[in-house]
Amino acid sequence: MTFIYSDDDNKRYHSWNYALRQEFGGKIFKVPVDGGFDCPNRDGTVAHGGCTFCSVSGSGDMIVAPSDPLPQQFHKEIDMMHQKWPHVDQYIVYFQNFTNTHAPVEVIRERFEQVVNLPGVVGLSVGTRPDCLPPEVVDYLAELNQRLYLWVELGLQTTYEKTSDRINRAHDYPTYVDAVARLRKHNINVCTHLINGLPGESLEMMRENVRRTILDSDVQGIKLHLLHLMRNTKMLRDYAEGRLQLMSKDDYVSVICDQLEMIPQDIIIHRLTGDAPWDSLVGPMWSLKKWEVLNAIDQELIRRDSYQGKFALRGEFTHATNSLTL
């Protein structure tokens, strides 16, 4: 079979790469940069210490030159990418690590505007938290949404308050639901991040995280992560004291396919696994073979004779009423 949002018989989900090719007519680079922002549960605004899974770089371990000025970061990243794909000339700048709307709107504007007009930049992706979107920041994002291709990536990680407290997330689920609704009033694309394998969460809870996200919020994208246990993180204590069991590859592939089957076909799957630097990864070590994991997901969907949305939880989300049209 050929999935409706794919041009590859082996790809049975609505991939980010496919979506970008449809939007821009060719390959696009998503260029990670460090905007110099902090996080409200690191600096004391809502908590101290950060999320227990978070590394000192705030998920920016793979950024090439995080201390350089933003335009220089951008050029160094694309120079490296061009070594493999020399003909790509369109870019989405990704403000990746920490919380990229955790500052006065004047500061956010000054930093974002350094990159949005660089040659070839067609879009912006902003990683942030649901509790860092005051009205004036949403208004600026709405302005950007009129100027270029924009995504706001909201770190949710889990819908369970007990898990959220355990990992020191420092915001609740209703805050996330409200943030999505306020962004969608301006037709801003929202991608929700969820992590599989958090301490204390069963496979059924991981499936439930996706179910709640789909039913409760009007999102256009989902990013599913495997929990990477990193050195120098507070989560190491959970692991050492037996409160965290690292996922097996078979369980991860299986639950990802279960989750994909629930997600409506039009929702873009931005990621199904992640990257972690090998020298700071405690586990699961099988995750370092990223393409083997992705290929295993493709093969499991084929084995099941399944695809994204086979058992979709909803049809069209009706924005004005927050109701679901089935």
C-alpha atoms as a PDB file:
ATOM      1  CA  MET A   1       0.000   0.000   0.000  1.00  0.00           C
ATOM      2  CA  THR A   2       0.973   3.666  -0.379  1.00  0.00           C
ATOM      3  CA  PHE A   3       0.082   5.858   2.594  1.00  0.00           C
ATOM      4  CA  ILE A   4      -1.780   9.017   1.523  1.00  0.00           C
ATOM      5  CA  TYR A   5       0.894  11.329   3.016  1.00  0.00           C
ATOM      6  CA  SER A   6       3.891   9.419   1.655  1.00  0.00           C
ATOM      7  CA  ASP A   7       5.625   8.798  -1.648  1.00  0.00           C
ATOM      8  CA  ASP A   8       7.423   5.732  -0.280  1.00  0.00           C
ATOM      9  CA  ASP A   9       5.674   2.363   0.075  1.00  0.00           C
ATOM     10  CA  ASN A  10       7.769   1.636   3.169  1.00  0.00           C
ATOM     11  CA  LYS A  11       6.805   4.865   4.968  1.00  0.00           C
ATOM     12  CA  ARG A  12       3.346   4.617   6.488  1.00  0.00           C
ATOM     13  CA  TYR A  13       3.242   7.803   8.502  1.00  0.00           C
ATOM     14  CA  HIS A  14       3.135  11.523   7.724  1.00  0.00           C
ATOM     15  CA  SER A  15       6.802  12.345   8.090  1.00  0.00           C
ATOM     16  CA  TRP A  16       8.310  15.787   8.594  1.00  0.00           C
ATOM     17  CA  ASN A  17      10.504  15.343   5.531  1.00  0.00           C
ATOM     18  CA  TYR A  18       7.485  14.554   3.361  1.00  0.00           C
ATOM     19  CA  ALA A  19       5.558  17.548   4.735  1.00  0.00           C
ATOM     20  CA  LEU A  20       8.436  19.914   3.984  1.00  0.00           C
ATOM     21  CA  ARG A  21       8.826  18.592   0.434  1.00  0.00           C
ATOM     22  CA  GLN A  22       5.133  19.230  -0.148  1.00  0.00           C
ATOM     23  CA  GLU A  23       5.364  22.720   1.342  1.00  0.00           C
ATOM     24  CA  PHE A  24       8.573  23.888  -0.332  1.00  0.00           C
ATOM     25  CA  GLY A  25       9.088  21.569  -3.288  1.00  0.00           C
ATOM     26  CA  GLY A  26      12.399  20.107  -2.144  1.00  0.00           C
ATOM     27  CA  LYS A  27      14.687  19.295   0.740  1.00  0.00           C
ATOM     28  CA  ILE A  28      14.864  21.792   3.612  1.00  0.00           C
ATOM     29  CA  PHE A  29      17.459  22.110   6.362  1.00  0.00           C
ATOM     30  CA  LYS A  30      16.195  22.547   9.903  1.00  0.00           C
ATOM     31  CA  VAL A  31      19.075  24.495  11.428  1.00  0.00           C
ATOM     32  CA  PRO A  32      19.436  24.330  15.240  1.00  0.00           C
ATOM     33  CA  VAL A  33      20.716  27.398  17.068  1.00  0.00           C
ATOM     34  CA  ASP A  34      21.195  28.399  20.698  1.00  0.00           C
ATOM     35  CA  GLY A  35      19.272  31.605  21.375  1.00  0.00           C
ATOM     36  CA  GLY A  36      20.863  32.178  24.772  1.00  0.00           C
ATOM     37  CA  PHE A  37      17.624  31.691  26.708  1.00  0.00           C
ATOM     38  CA  ASP A  38      17.302  29.992  30.091  1.00  0.00           C
ATOM     39  CA  CYS A  39      14.462  27.908  31.515  1.00  0.00           C
ATOM     40  CA  PRO A  40      11.971  28.952  34.226  1.00  0.00           C
ATOM     41  CA  ASN A  41      12.454  25.787  36.232  1.00  0.00           C
ATOM     42  CA  ARG A  42      16.216  26.260  36.237  1.00  0.00           C
ATOM     43  CA  ASP A  43      16.487  29.947  37.090  1.00  0.00           C
ATOM     44  CA  GLY A  44      13.979  29.932  39.961  1.00  0.00           C
ATOM     45  CA  THR A  45      11.031  31.508  38.141  1.00  0.00           C
ATOM     46  CA  VAL A  46       8.939  28.396  38.860  1.00  0.00           C
ATOM     47  CA  ALA A  47      11.541  25.927  40.192  1.00  0.00           C
ATOM     48  CA  HIS A  48      15.237  25.134  40.387  1.00  0.00           C
ATOM     49  CA  GLY A  49      17.323  22.377  38.851  1.00  0.00           C
ATOM     50  CA  GLY A  50      15.462  21.879  35.590  1.00  0.00           C
ATOM     51  CA  CYS A  51      13.729  18.740  34.364  1.00  0.00           C
ATOM     52  CA  THR A  52      15.479  15.693  35.750  1.00  0.00           C
ATOM     53  CA  PHE A  53      16.196  14.306  32.254  1.00  0.00           C
ATOM     54  CA  CYS A  54      17.685  17.548  30.943  1.00  0.00           C
ATOM     55  CA  SER A  55      21.396  17.898  30.252  1.00  0.00           C
ATOM     56  CA  VAL A  56      23.406  21.023  30.995  1.00  0.00           C
ATOM     57  CA  SER A  57      22.876  22.157  27.403  1.00  0.00           C
ATOM     58  CA  GLY A  58      19.091  21.966  27.676  1.00  0.00           C
ATOM     59  CA  SER A  59      18.726  19.490  24.793  1.00  0.00           C
ATOM     60  CA  GLY A  60      21.162  21.455  22.673  1.00  0.00           C
ATOM     61  CA  ASP A  61      23.985  18.898  22.787  1.00  0.00           C
ATOM     62  CA  MET A  62      24.210  18.633  19.003  1.00  0.00           C
ATOM     63  CA  ILE A  63      24.502  22.378  18.229  1.00  0.00           C
ATOM     64  CA  VAL A  64      27.866  23.068  16.568  1.00  0.00           C
ATOM     65  CA  ALA A  65      28.811  26.507  17.946  1.00  0.00           C
ATOM     66  CA  PRO A  66      26.313  27.491  20.675  1.00  0.00           C
ATOM     67  CA  SER A  67      28.369  30.387  22.036  1.00  0.00           C
ATOM     68  CA  ASP A  68      28.742  32.180  18.683  1.00  0.00           C
ATOM     69  CA  PRO A  69      26.478  35.061  17.580  1.00  0.00           C
ATOM     70  CA  LEU A  70      23.281  33.730  16.046  1.00  0.00           C
ATOM     71  CA  PRO A  71      24.109  34.503  12.378  1.00  0.00           C
ATOM     72  CA  GLN A  72      27.481  32.757  12.786  1.00  0.00           C
ATOM     73  CA  GLN A  73      25.833  29.730  14.402  1.00  0.00           C
ATOM     74  CA  PHE A  74      23.471  29.538  11.450  1.00  0.00           C
ATOM     75  CA  HIS A  75      26.234  29.711   8.833  1.00  0.00           C
ATOM     76  CA  LYS A  76      28.416  27.134  10.599  1.00  0.00           C
ATOM     77  CA  GLU A  77      25.491  24.716  10.824  1.00  0.00           C
ATOM     78  CA  ILE A  78      24.514  25.011   7.170  1.00  0.00           C
ATOM     79  CA  ASP A  79      28.152  24.807   6.038  1.00  0.00           C
ATOM     80  CA  MET A  80      28.357  21.434   7.777  1.00  0.00           C
ATOM     81  CA  MET A  81      25.042  20.283   6.313  1.00  0.00           C
ATOM     82  CA  HIS A  82      26.061  21.363   2.819  1.00  0.00           C
ATOM     83  CA  GLN A  83      28.926  18.895   2.914  1.00  0.00           C
ATOM     84  CA  LYS A  84      26.314  16.166   2.505  1.00  0.00           C
ATOM     85  CA  TRP A  85      23.587  18.085   0.625  1.00  0.00           C
ATOM     86  CA  PRO A  86      25.333  20.894  -1.296  1.00  0.00           C
ATOM     87  CA  HIS A  87      22.317  22.070  -3.281  1.00  0.00           C
ATOM     88  CA  VAL A  88      19.871  22.822  -0.457  1.00  0.00           C
ATOM     89  CA  ASP A  89      19.121  26.547  -0.298  1.00  0.00           C
ATOM     90  CA  GLN A  90      16.064  26.833   1.982  1.00  0.00           C
ATOM     91  CA  TYR A  91      16.251  26.746   5.770  1.00  0.00           C
ATOM     92  CA  ILE A  92      14.100  26.631   8.889  1.00  0.00           C
ATOM     93  CA  VAL A  93      15.933  28.068  11.889  1.00  0.00           C
ATOM     94  CA  TYR A  94      15.261  26.012  15.017  1.00  0.00           C
ATOM     95  CA  PHE A  95      15.590  27.735  18.386  1.00  0.00           C
ATOM     96  CA  GLN A  96      16.108  24.415  20.101  1.00  0.00           C
ATOM     97  CA  ASN A  97      17.495  24.303  23.609  1.00  0.00           C
ATOM     98  CA  PHE A  98      15.977  25.519  26.856  1.00  0.00           C
ATOM     99  CA  THR A  99      12.894  27.788  26.666  1.00  0.00           C
ATOM    100  CA  ASN A 100      12.975  30.190  23.749  1.00  0.00           C
ATOM    101  CA  THR A 101      10.149  32.448  24.850  1.00  0.00           C
ATOM    102  CA  HIS A 102      11.382  32.817  28.441  1.00  0.00           C
ATOM    103  CA  ALA A 103      12.340  36.496  28.232  1.00  0.00           C
ATOM    104  CA  PRO A 104      10.681  39.879  27.717  1.00  0.00           C
ATOM    105  CA  VAL A 105       9.176  40.106  24.248  1.00  0.00           C
ATOM    106  CA  GLU A 106      11.701  42.823  23.298  1.00  0.00           C
ATOM    107  CA  VAL A 107      14.563  40.382  23.939  1.00  0.00           C
ATOM    108  CA  ILE A 108      12.829  37.594  22.035  1.00  0.00           C
ATOM    109  CA  ARG A 109      12.210  39.898  19.086  1.00  0.00           C
ATOM    110  CA  GLU A 110      15.815  41.118  19.017  1.00  0.00           C
ATOM    111  CA  ARG A 111      17.179  37.560  18.903  1.00  0.00           C
ATOM    112  CA  PHE A 112      14.689  36.101  16.443  1.00  0.00           C
ATOM    113  CA  GLU A 113      15.070  39.035  14.051  1.00  0.00           C
ATOM    114  CA  GLN A 114      18.807  38.298  13.772  1.00  0.00           C
ATOM    115  CA  VAL A 115      18.029  35.168  11.757  1.00  0.00           C
ATOM    116  CA  VAL A 116      14.631  35.487  10.095  1.00  0.00           C
ATOM    117  CA  ASN A 117      15.991  37.660   7.279  1.00  0.00           C
ATOM    118  CA  LEU A 118      19.164  35.682   6.601  1.00  0.00           C
ATOM    119  CA  PRO A 119      19.482  34.438   2.985  1.00  0.00           C
ATOM    120  CA  GLY A 120      17.404  31.342   2.351  1.00  0.00           C
ATOM    121  CA  VAL A 121      15.519  31.371   5.662  1.00  0.00           C
ATOM    122  CA  VAL A 122      11.896  30.456   4.956  1.00  0.00           C
ATOM    123  CA  GLY A 123      10.758  29.418   8.400  1.00  0.00           C
ATOM    124  CA  LEU A 124      11.243  29.394  12.135  1.00  0.00           C
ATOM    125  CA  SER A 125      10.684  26.674  14.715  1.00  0.00           C
ATOM    126  CA  VAL A 126      10.550  27.753  18.354  1.00  0.00           C
ATOM    127  CA  GLY A 127      11.023  25.273  21.181  1.00  0.00           C
ATOM    128  CA  THR A 128       9.354  26.435  24.386  1.00  0.00           C
ATOM    129  CA  ARG A 129       7.179  25.556  27.380  1.00  0.00           C
ATOM    130  CA  PRO A 130       3.411  26.047  27.723  1.00  0.00           C
ATOM    131  CA  ASP A 131       3.875  28.334  30.739  1.00  0.00           C
ATOM    132  CA  CYS A 132       6.090  30.798  28.849  1.00  0.00           C
ATOM    133  CA  LEU A 133       3.597  32.225  26.384  1.00  0.00           C
ATOM    134  CA  PRO A 134       2.200  35.486  27.795  1.00  0.00           C
ATOM    135  CA  PRO A 135      -0.154  37.489  25.510  1.00  0.00           C
ATOM    136  CA  GLU A 136       2.521  39.847  24.164  1.00  0.00           C
ATOM    137  CA  VAL A 137       4.733  36.898  23.138  1.00  0.00           C
ATOM    138  CA  VAL A 138       1.810  35.149  21.445  1.00  0.00           C
ATOM    139  CA  ASP A 139       1.094  38.403  19.581  1.00  0.00           C
ATOM    140  CA  TYR A 140       4.697  38.532  18.319  1.00  0.00           C
ATOM    141  CA  LEU A 141       4.514  34.886  17.248  1.00  0.00           C
ATOM    142  CA  ALA A 142       1.280  35.707  15.411  1.00  0.00           C
ATOM    143  CA  GLU A 143       3.134  38.488  13.594  1.00  0.00           C
ATOM    144  CA  LEU A 144       5.911  36.078  12.627  1.00  0.00           C
ATOM    145  CA  ASN A 145       3.298  33.604  11.429  1.00  0.00           C
ATOM    146  CA  GLN A 146       2.187  36.176   8.864  1.00  0.00           C
ATOM    147  CA  ARG A 147       5.767  36.638   7.641  1.00  0.00           C
ATOM    148  CA  LEU A 148       7.160  33.133   7.326  1.00  0.00           C
ATOM    149  CA  TYR A 149       6.539  29.429   7.959  1.00  0.00           C
ATOM    150  CA  LEU A 150       6.287  29.051  11.738  1.00  0.00           C
ATOM    151  CA  TRP A 151       6.052  26.192  14.216  1.00  0.00           C
ATOM    152  CA  VAL A 152       5.873  26.435  17.982  1.00  0.00           C
ATOM    153  CA  GLU A 153       7.180  23.249  19.591  1.00  0.00           C
ATOM    154  CA  LEU A 154       5.679  22.768  23.038  1.00  0.00           C
ATOM    155  CA  GLY A 155       7.440  20.521  25.504  1.00  0.00           C
ATOM    156  CA  LEU A 156       4.720  18.556  27.267  1.00  0.00           C
ATOM    157  CA  GLN A 157       6.544  15.218  27.771  1.00  0.00           C
ATOM    158  CA  THR A 158       3.679  13.624  29.761  1.00  0.00           C
ATOM    159  CA  THR A 159       0.009  14.212  30.512  1.00  0.00           C
ATOM    160  CA  TYR A 160       0.297  12.648  33.978  1.00  0.00           C
ATOM    161  CA  GLU A 161       0.694  15.096  36.862  1.00  0.00           C
ATOM    162  CA  LYS A 162       2.461  12.493  39.012  1.00  0.00           C
ATOM    163  CA  THR A 163       5.091  11.939  36.329  1.00  0.00           C
ATOM    164  CA  SER A 164       5.363  15.660  35.690  1.00  0.00           C
ATOM    165  CA  ASP A 165       6.080  16.270  39.376  1.00  0.00           C
ATOM    166  CA  ARG A 166       8.603  13.435  39.449  1.00  0.00           C
ATOM    167  CA  ILE A 167      10.602  14.890  36.569  1.00  0.00           C
ATOM    168  CA  ASN A 168      10.306  18.464  37.935  1.00  0.00           C
ATOM    169  CA  ARG A 169       8.348  19.711  34.947  1.00  0.00           C
ATOM    170  CA  ALA A 170       6.815  22.520  37.052  1.00  0.00           C
ATOM    171  CA  HIS A 171       3.688  23.123  35.013  1.00  0.00           C
ATOM    172  CA  ASP A 172       0.401  21.239  34.823  1.00  0.00           C
ATOM    173  CA  TYR A 173      -1.533  19.719  31.950  1.00  0.00           C
ATOM    174  CA  PRO A 174      -4.293  22.384  31.800  1.00  0.00           C
ATOM    175  CA  THR A 175      -1.584  24.997  31.213  1.00  0.00           C
ATOM    176  CA  TYR A 176      -0.528  23.058  28.113  1.00  0.00           C
ATOM    177  CA  VAL A 177      -4.111  22.742  26.815  1.00  0.00           C
ATOM    178  CA  ASP A 178      -4.660  26.486  27.290  1.00  0.00           C
ATOM    179  CA  ALA A 179      -1.391  27.367  25.546  1.00  0.00           C
ATOM    180  CA  VAL A 180      -2.325  25.354  22.461  1.00  0.00           C
ATOM    181  CA  ALA A 181      -5.748  26.995  22.308  1.00  0.00           C
ATOM    182  CA  ARG A 182      -4.248  30.497  22.499  1.00  0.00           C
ATOM    183  CA  LEU A 183      -1.707  29.752  19.762  1.00  0.00           C
ATOM    184  CA  ARG A 184      -4.342  28.189  17.515  1.00  0.00           C
ATOM    185  CA  LYS A 185      -6.473  31.340  17.720  1.00  0.00           C
ATOM    186  CA  HIS A 186      -3.762  32.819  15.482  1.00  0.00           C
ATOM    187  CA  ASN A 187      -3.504  29.678  13.288  1.00  0.00           C
ATOM    188  CA  ILE A 188       0.018  29.041  14.563  1.00  0.00           C
ATOM    189  CA  ASN A 189       1.211  25.490  13.904  1.00  0.00           C
ATOM    190  CA  VAL A 190       1.823  23.594  17.156  1.00  0.00           C
ATOM    191  CA  CYS A 191       4.033  20.520  17.563  1.00  0.00           C
ATOM    192  CA  THR A 192       3.762  18.718  20.919  1.00  0.00           C
ATOM    193  CA  HIS A 193       6.751  16.840  22.382  1.00  0.00           C
ATOM    194  CA  LEU A 194       6.113  13.607  24.302  1.00  0.00           C
ATOM    195  CA  ILE A 195       8.695  11.287  25.845  1.00  0.00           C
ATOM    196  CA  ASN A 196       8.287   7.516  25.959  1.00  0.00           C
ATOM    197  CA  GLY A 197       9.991   5.731  28.843  1.00  0.00           C
ATOM    198  CA  LEU A 198       9.677   8.252  31.673  1.00  0.00           C
ATOM    199  CA  PRO A 199      10.016   6.908  35.228  1.00  0.00           C
ATOM    200  CA  GLY A 200       6.962   4.991  36.398  1.00  0.00           C
ATOM    201  CA  GLU A 201       5.094   5.116  33.091  1.00  0.00           C
ATOM    202  CA  SER A 202       3.813   1.847  31.631  1.00  0.00           C
ATOM    203  CA  LEU A 203       3.328   1.159  27.926  1.00  0.00           C
ATOM    204  CA  GLU A 204      -0.382   1.805  28.427  1.00  0.00           C
ATOM    205  CA  MET A 205       0.373   5.201  29.992  1.00  0.00           C
ATOM    206  CA  MET A 206       2.570   6.071  26.999  1.00  0.00           C
ATOM    207  CA  ARG A 207      -0.317   5.256  24.689  1.00  0.00           C
ATOM    208  CA  GLU A 208      -2.632   7.301  26.917  1.00  0.00           C
ATOM    209  CA  ASN A 209      -0.321  10.318  26.648  1.00  0.00           C
ATOM    210  CA  VAL A 210      -0.895  10.357  22.895  1.00  0.00           C
ATOM    211  CA  ARG A 211      -4.620   9.700  23.259  1.00  0.00           C
ATOM    212  CA  ARG A 212      -5.077  12.677  25.607  1.00  0.00           C
ATOM    213  CA  THR A 213      -2.940  14.963  23.464  1.00  0.00           C
ATOM    214  CA  ILE A 214      -4.959  14.187  20.345  1.00  0.00           C
ATOM    215  CA  LEU A 215      -8.353  14.515  22.006  1.00  0.00           C
ATOM    216  CA  ASP A 216      -7.624  17.568  24.174  1.00  0.00           C
ATOM    217  CA  SER A 217      -5.603  19.850  21.905  1.00  0.00           C
ATOM    218  CA  ASP A 218      -5.627  20.984  18.286  1.00  0.00           C
ATOM    219  CA  VAL A 219      -2.055  20.147  17.283  1.00  0.00           C
ATOM    220  CA  GLN A 220      -0.641  19.952  13.772  1.00  0.00           C
ATOM    221  CA  GLY A 221       2.482  18.004  14.707  1.00  0.00           C
ATOM    222  CA  ILE A 222       3.751  15.521  17.274  1.00  0.00           C
ATOM    223  CA  LYS A 223       7.333  14.727  18.200  1.00  0.00           C
ATOM    224  CA  LEU A 224       7.798  11.378  19.962  1.00  0.00           C
ATOM    225  CA  HIS A 225      11.067  10.875  21.833  1.00  0.00           C
ATOM    226  CA  LEU A 226      12.722   7.955  23.484  1.00  0.00           C
ATOM    227  CA  LEU A 227      13.955   8.854  26.960  1.00  0.00           C
ATOM    228  CA  HIS A 228      17.740   9.174  26.743  1.00  0.00           C
ATOM    229  CA  LEU A 229      19.379   8.753  30.114  1.00  0.00           C
ATOM    230  CA  MET A 230      22.303  11.154  30.113  1.00  0.00           C
ATOM    231  CA  ARG A 231      25.293  11.605  32.374  1.00  0.00           C
ATOM    232  CA  ASN A 232      25.180  14.546  34.777  1.00  0.00           C
ATOM    233  CA  THR A 233      21.372  14.557  34.995  1.00  0.00           C
ATOM    234  CA  LYS A 234      19.230  14.193  38.107  1.00  0.00           C
ATOM    235  CA  MET A 235      17.394  11.272  36.521  1.00  0.00           C
ATOM    236  CA  LEU A 236      20.451   9.102  37.119  1.00  0.00           C
ATOM    237  CA  ARG A 237      19.256   8.825  40.726  1.00  0.00           C
ATOM    238  CA  ASP A 238      15.937   7.302  39.570  1.00  0.00           C
ATOM    239  CA  TYR A 239      17.895   4.775  37.555  1.00  0.00           C
ATOM    240  CA  ALA A 240      20.305   3.950  40.362  1.00  0.00           C
ATOM    241  CA  GLU A 241      17.480   3.494  42.867  1.00  0.00           C
ATOM    242  CA  GLY A 242      15.380   1.298  40.575  1.00  0.00           C
ATOM    243  CA  ARG A 243      12.589   3.763  39.753  1.00  0.00           C
ATOM    244  CA  LEU A 244      13.514   3.843  36.083  1.00  0.00           C
ATOM    245  CA  GLN A 245      13.843   0.913  33.702  1.00  0.00           C
ATOM    246  CA  LEU A 246      15.230   1.737  30.286  1.00  0.00           C
ATOM    247  CA  MET A 247      13.048   0.690  27.389  1.00  0.00           C
ATOM    248  CA  SER A 248      13.969  -2.213  25.137  1.00  0.00           C
ATOM    249  CA  LYS A 249      14.074  -1.620  21.412  1.00  0.00           C
ATOM    250  CA  ASP A 250      11.200  -4.074  20.833  1.00  0.00           C
ATOM    251  CA  ASP A 251       8.953  -2.309  23.365  1.00  0.00           C
ATOM    252  CA  TYR A 252       9.797   1.093  21.932  1.00  0.00           C
ATOM    253  CA  VAL A 253       9.050   0.070  18.350  1.00  0.00           C
ATOM    254  CA  SER A 254       5.805  -1.566  19.427  1.00  0.00           C
ATOM    255  CA  VAL A 255       4.494   1.396  21.434  1.00  0.00           C
ATOM    256  CA  ILE A 256       5.470   3.864  18.695  1.00  0.00           C
ATOM    257  CA  CYS A 257       3.404   1.884  16.194  1.00  0.00           C
ATOM    258  CA  ASP A 258       0.495   1.789  18.670  1.00  0.00           C
ATOM    259  CA  GLN A 259       0.739   5.551  19.031  1.00  0.00           C
ATOM    260  CA  LEU A 260       0.942   6.151  15.293  1.00  0.00           C
ATOM    261  CA  GLU A 261      -2.203   4.108  14.757  1.00  0.00           C
ATOM    262  CA  MET A 262      -4.089   6.562  17.032  1.00  0.00           C
ATOM    263  CA  ILE A 263      -2.824   9.777  15.431  1.00  0.00           C
ATOM    264  CA  PRO A 264      -4.956  11.292  12.622  1.00  0.00           C
ATOM    265  CA  GLN A 265      -3.230  11.109   9.251  1.00  0.00           C
ATOM    266  CA  ASP A 266      -3.013  14.855   8.678  1.00  0.00           C
ATOM    267  CA  ILE A 267      -0.909  15.403  11.825  1.00  0.00           C
ATOM    268  CA  ILE A 268       2.789  15.630  10.929  1.00  0.00           C
ATOM    269  CA  ILE A 269       5.163  13.314  12.763  1.00  0.00           C
ATOM    270  CA  HIS A 270       8.207  15.499  13.368  1.00  0.00           C
ATOM    271  CA  ARG A 271      10.264  12.785  15.028  1.00  0.00           C
ATOM    272  CA  LEU A 272      10.013   9.170  16.175  1.00  0.00           C
ATOM    273  CA  THR A 273      13.327   8.934  17.959  1.00  0.00           C
ATOM    274  CA  GLY A 274      16.129  11.300  18.850  1.00  0.00           C
ATOM    275  CA  ASP A 275      19.848  11.897  18.781  1.00  0.00           C
ATOM    276  CA  ALA A 276      22.132  11.808  21.786  1.00  0.00           C
ATOM    277  CA  PRO A 277      25.911  12.206  21.965  1.00  0.00           C
ATOM    278  CA  TRP A 278      27.394   8.763  22.506  1.00  0.00           C
ATOM    279  CA  ASP A 279      29.947   9.953  25.050  1.00  0.00           C
ATOM    280  CA  SER A 280      27.315  11.233  27.490  1.00  0.00           C
ATOM    281  CA  LEU A 281      24.591   8.631  26.927  1.00  0.00           C
ATOM    282  CA  VAL A 282      24.020   6.093  29.694  1.00  0.00           C
ATOM    283  CA  GLY A 283      21.298   4.287  27.778  1.00  0.00           C
ATOM    284  CA  PRO A 284      19.505   2.781  26.014  1.00  0.00           C
ATOM    285  CA  MET A 285      22.589   2.246  23.864  1.00  0.00           C
ATOM    286  CA  TRP A 286      20.587   0.695  21.031  1.00  0.00           C
ATOM    287  CA  SER A 287      19.176   4.182  20.404  1.00  0.00           C
ATOM    288  CA  LEU A 288      22.505   5.282  18.908  1.00  0.00           C
ATOM    289  CA  LYS A 289      21.627   3.249  15.793  1.00  0.00           C
ATOM    290  CA  LYS A 290      18.909   5.687  14.804  1.00  0.00           C
ATOM    291  CA  TRP A 291      18.272   4.365  11.308  1.00  0.00           C
ATOM    292  CA  GLU A 292      17.909   0.810  12.585  1.00  0.00           C
ATOM    293  CA  VAL A 293      15.186   2.038  14.925  1.00  0.00           C
ATOM    294  CA  LEU A 294      13.374   3.937  12.170  1.00  0.00           C
ATOM    295  CA  ASN A 295      13.623   0.981   9.823  1.00  0.00           C
ATOM    296  CA  ALA A 296      12.250  -1.306  12.535  1.00  0.00           C
ATOM    297  CA  ILE A 297       9.229   0.993  12.935  1.00  0.00           C
ATOM    298  CA  ASP A 298       8.612   0.894   9.177  1.00  0.00           C
ATOM    299  CA  GLN A 299       8.860  -2.887   9.162  1.00  0.00           C
ATOM    300  CA  GLU A 300       6.546  -3.314  12.147  1.00  0.00           C
ATOM    301  CA  LEU A 301       3.848  -1.215  10.482  1.00  0.00           C
ATOM    302  CA  ILE A 302       4.205  -3.347   7.357  1.00  0.00           C
ATOM    303  CA  ARG A 303       4.051  -6.549   9.435  1.00  0.00           C
ATOM    304  CA  ARG A 304       0.840  -5.308  11.084  1.00  0.00           C
ATOM    305  CA  ASP A 305      -0.571  -4.191   7.729  1.00  0.00           C
ATOM    306  CA  SER A 306      -1.049  -0.870   9.496  1.00  0.00           C
ATOM    307  CA  TYR A 307      -0.397   2.857   9.147  1.00  0.00           C
ATOM    308  CA  GLN A 308      -0.772   6.196  10.916  1.00  0.00           C
ATOM    309  CA  GLY A 309      -4.416   6.844  11.710  1.00  0.00           C
ATOM    310  CA  LYS A 310      -5.678   3.288  11.196  1.00  0.00           C
ATOM    311  CA  PHE A 311      -7.498   3.641  14.507  1.00  0.00           C
ATOM    312  CA  ALA A 312      -7.598   7.435  14.583  1.00  0.00           C
ATOM    313  CA  LEU A 313      -9.147   8.884  17.714  1.00  0.00           C
ATOM    314  CA  ARG A 314     -10.801  11.834  16.046  1.00  0.00           C
ATOM    315  CA  GLY A 315     -11.615  13.487  12.783  1.00  0.00           C
ATOM    316  CA  GLU A 316     -11.414  17.215  12.161  1.00  0.00           C
ATOM    317  CA  PHE A 317     -10.769  19.388  15.212  1.00  0.00           C
ATOM    318  CA  THR A 318     -13.217  22.284  15.312  1.00  0.00           C
ATOM    319  CA  HIS A 319     -11.161  25.190  16.605  1.00  0.00           C
ATOM    320  CA  ALA A 320     -13.905  27.631  17.537  1.00  0.00           C
ATOM    321  CA  THR A 321     -15.709  25.261  19.893  1.00  0.00           C
ATOM    322  CA  ASN A 322     -12.892  22.921  20.912  1.00  0.00           C
ATOM    323  CA  SER A 323     -15.222  20.095  19.875  1.00  0.00           C
ATOM    324  CA  LEU A 324     -14.471  17.163  17.628  1.00  0.00           C
ATOM    325  CA  THR A 325     -16.151  16.413  14.327  1.00  0.00           C
ATOM    326  CA  LEU A 326     -16.105  12.681  13.650  1.00  0.00           C
END
